[in-house]
Amino acid sequence: MSLAAVVREVKGIDLAASYRGRYGSPDEAIKLLGKGGVPLALSKAAKRLHWGRLPAARCQSGALGFLMTPIGPAGVMRFRDAWMGRVDDGVGMFPSDLIIKAWGYE
């Protein structure tokens, strides 16, 4: 949802409209995303933005991607030379080599 909020502010497109208000816990969110989970949701969001798959290191700020965490895939967004995403105590920054798949523009 945090990535979708950034895209909504910048592009005026709410990529999470179909999910908003439909879950009340992380487990419910995972169930709502379905079998494809975060990776499929990000792929669909990128398609809606007319973005393609790119190597993570070539992505521009604002690109979307995901990395693996101990509890599963997590969405991240490119910001300058790193990727950012929500972590328990705020925002974490991650290097491109941790990104499994990324979608962006050139």
Protein backbone atom coordinates (compact mmCIF):
# COMPACT_ATOMS: atom_id res chain seq x y z
CA MET A 1 0.00 0.00 0.00
CA SER A 2 2.87 2.38 0.71
CA LEU A 3 4.24 1.93 -2.81
CA ALA A 4 0.80 2.49 -4.29
CA ALA A 5 0.44 5.68 -2.24
CA VAL A 6 3.64 7.06 -3.77
CA VAL A 7 2.49 6.20 -7.31
CA ARG A 8 -0.90 7.77 -6.60
CA GLU A 9 0.74 11.01 -5.48
CA VAL A 10 3.14 11.18 -8.43
CA LYS A 11 1.09 9.70 -11.28
CA GLY A 12 -2.49 10.14 -10.06
CA ILE A 13 -3.17 6.41 -10.53
CA ASP A 14 -4.30 4.31 -7.56
CA LEU A 15 -2.76 0.92 -8.20
CA ALA A 16 -4.20 -0.44 -4.95
CA ALA A 17 -7.81 0.70 -5.32
CA SER A 18 -9.06 -2.89 -5.61
CA TYR A 19 -7.33 -3.83 -2.33
CA ARG A 20 -7.95 -0.71 -0.25
CA GLY A 21 -10.26 -1.27 2.75
CA ARG A 22 -10.65 -4.98 2.07
CA TYR A 23 -8.30 -6.37 4.73
CA GLY A 24 -7.56 -5.73 8.38
CA SER A 25 -4.38 -7.71 9.03
CA PRO A 26 -1.24 -8.86 7.21
CA ASP A 27 -2.69 -12.38 6.93
CA GLU A 28 -5.88 -11.01 5.36
CA ALA A 29 -3.81 -8.93 2.94
CA ILE A 30 -1.86 -12.01 1.86
CA LYS A 31 -5.09 -13.93 1.36
CA LEU A 32 -6.56 -11.07 -0.68
CA LEU A 33 -3.51 -10.97 -2.96
CA GLY A 34 -4.07 -14.64 -3.75
CA LYS A 35 -1.69 -17.26 -5.10
CA GLY A 36 0.54 -14.84 -7.02
CA GLY A 37 0.98 -12.61 -3.98
CA VAL A 38 3.14 -9.49 -4.01
CA PRO A 39 5.08 -10.41 -7.18
CA LEU A 40 1.92 -10.81 -9.28
CA ALA A 41 0.37 -7.64 -7.83
CA LEU A 42 3.52 -5.68 -8.74
CA SER A 43 3.59 -7.20 -12.22
CA LYS A 44 -0.03 -6.14 -12.79
CA ALA A 45 0.71 -2.64 -11.45
CA ALA A 46 3.68 -2.30 -13.80
CA LYS A 47 1.57 -3.43 -16.75
CA ARG A 48 -1.02 -0.80 -15.88
CA LEU A 49 1.76 1.82 -15.92
CA HIS A 50 3.05 0.45 -19.26
CA TRP A 51 6.37 -0.46 -17.64
CA GLY A 52 8.46 -3.48 -18.58
CA ARG A 53 10.84 -5.81 -16.78
CA LEU A 54 14.31 -4.35 -16.33
CA PRO A 55 17.46 -5.37 -14.50
CA ALA A 56 17.18 -3.81 -11.05
CA ALA A 57 20.44 -1.89 -11.43
CA ARG A 58 19.15 -0.14 -14.60
CA CYS A 59 15.87 1.07 -13.07
CA GLN A 60 15.15 4.75 -12.52
CA SER A 61 13.68 6.27 -9.34
CA GLY A 62 10.06 5.22 -8.94
CA ALA A 63 10.47 1.75 -10.46
CA LEU A 64 8.84 -1.18 -8.65
CA GLY A 65 10.43 -4.43 -7.55
CA PHE A 66 10.43 -7.07 -4.89
CA LEU A 67 12.91 -8.84 -2.68
CA MET A 68 12.61 -11.87 -0.44
CA THR A 69 12.31 -11.51 3.32
CA PRO A 70 12.09 -14.22 5.99
CA ILE A 71 8.29 -14.04 5.78
CA GLY A 72 7.99 -13.83 1.99
CA PRO A 73 8.27 -11.34 -0.89
CA ALA A 74 8.10 -7.61 -0.14
CA GLY A 75 7.52 -4.77 -2.57
CA VAL A 76 10.14 -2.06 -2.90
CA MET A 77 10.59 1.12 -4.94
CA ARG A 78 13.73 2.48 -6.54
CA PHE A 79 15.00 5.72 -4.99
CA ARG A 80 18.18 7.14 -6.48
CA ASP A 81 20.85 4.42 -6.21
CA ALA A 82 18.97 2.08 -3.86
CA TRP A 83 15.61 0.44 -3.31
CA MET A 84 13.36 1.39 -0.40
CA GLY A 85 10.60 -0.42 1.38
CA ARG A 86 8.74 -0.50 4.64
CA VAL A 87 10.32 -2.36 7.53
CA ASP A 88 9.09 -2.84 11.09
CA ASP A 89 10.65 0.36 12.37
CA GLY A 90 10.30 2.63 9.31
CA VAL A 91 11.92 2.47 5.88
CA GLY A 92 14.77 0.24 4.79
CA MET A 93 17.19 0.81 1.92
CA PHE A 94 18.36 -2.16 -0.15
CA PRO A 95 20.97 -2.68 -2.90
CA SER A 96 19.96 -3.76 -6.41
CA ASP A 97 21.53 -7.19 -6.03
CA LEU A 98 18.78 -8.15 -3.53
CA ILE A 99 15.97 -7.38 -5.98
CA ILE A 100 14.42 -10.51 -7.51
CA LYS A 101 12.39 -8.79 -10.25
CA ALA A 102 11.94 -5.15 -11.18
CA TRP A 103 9.69 -3.17 -13.49
CA GLY A 104 10.31 0.34 -14.69
CA TYR A 105 10.80 2.76 -17.56
CA GLU A 106 13.85 3.89 -19.48
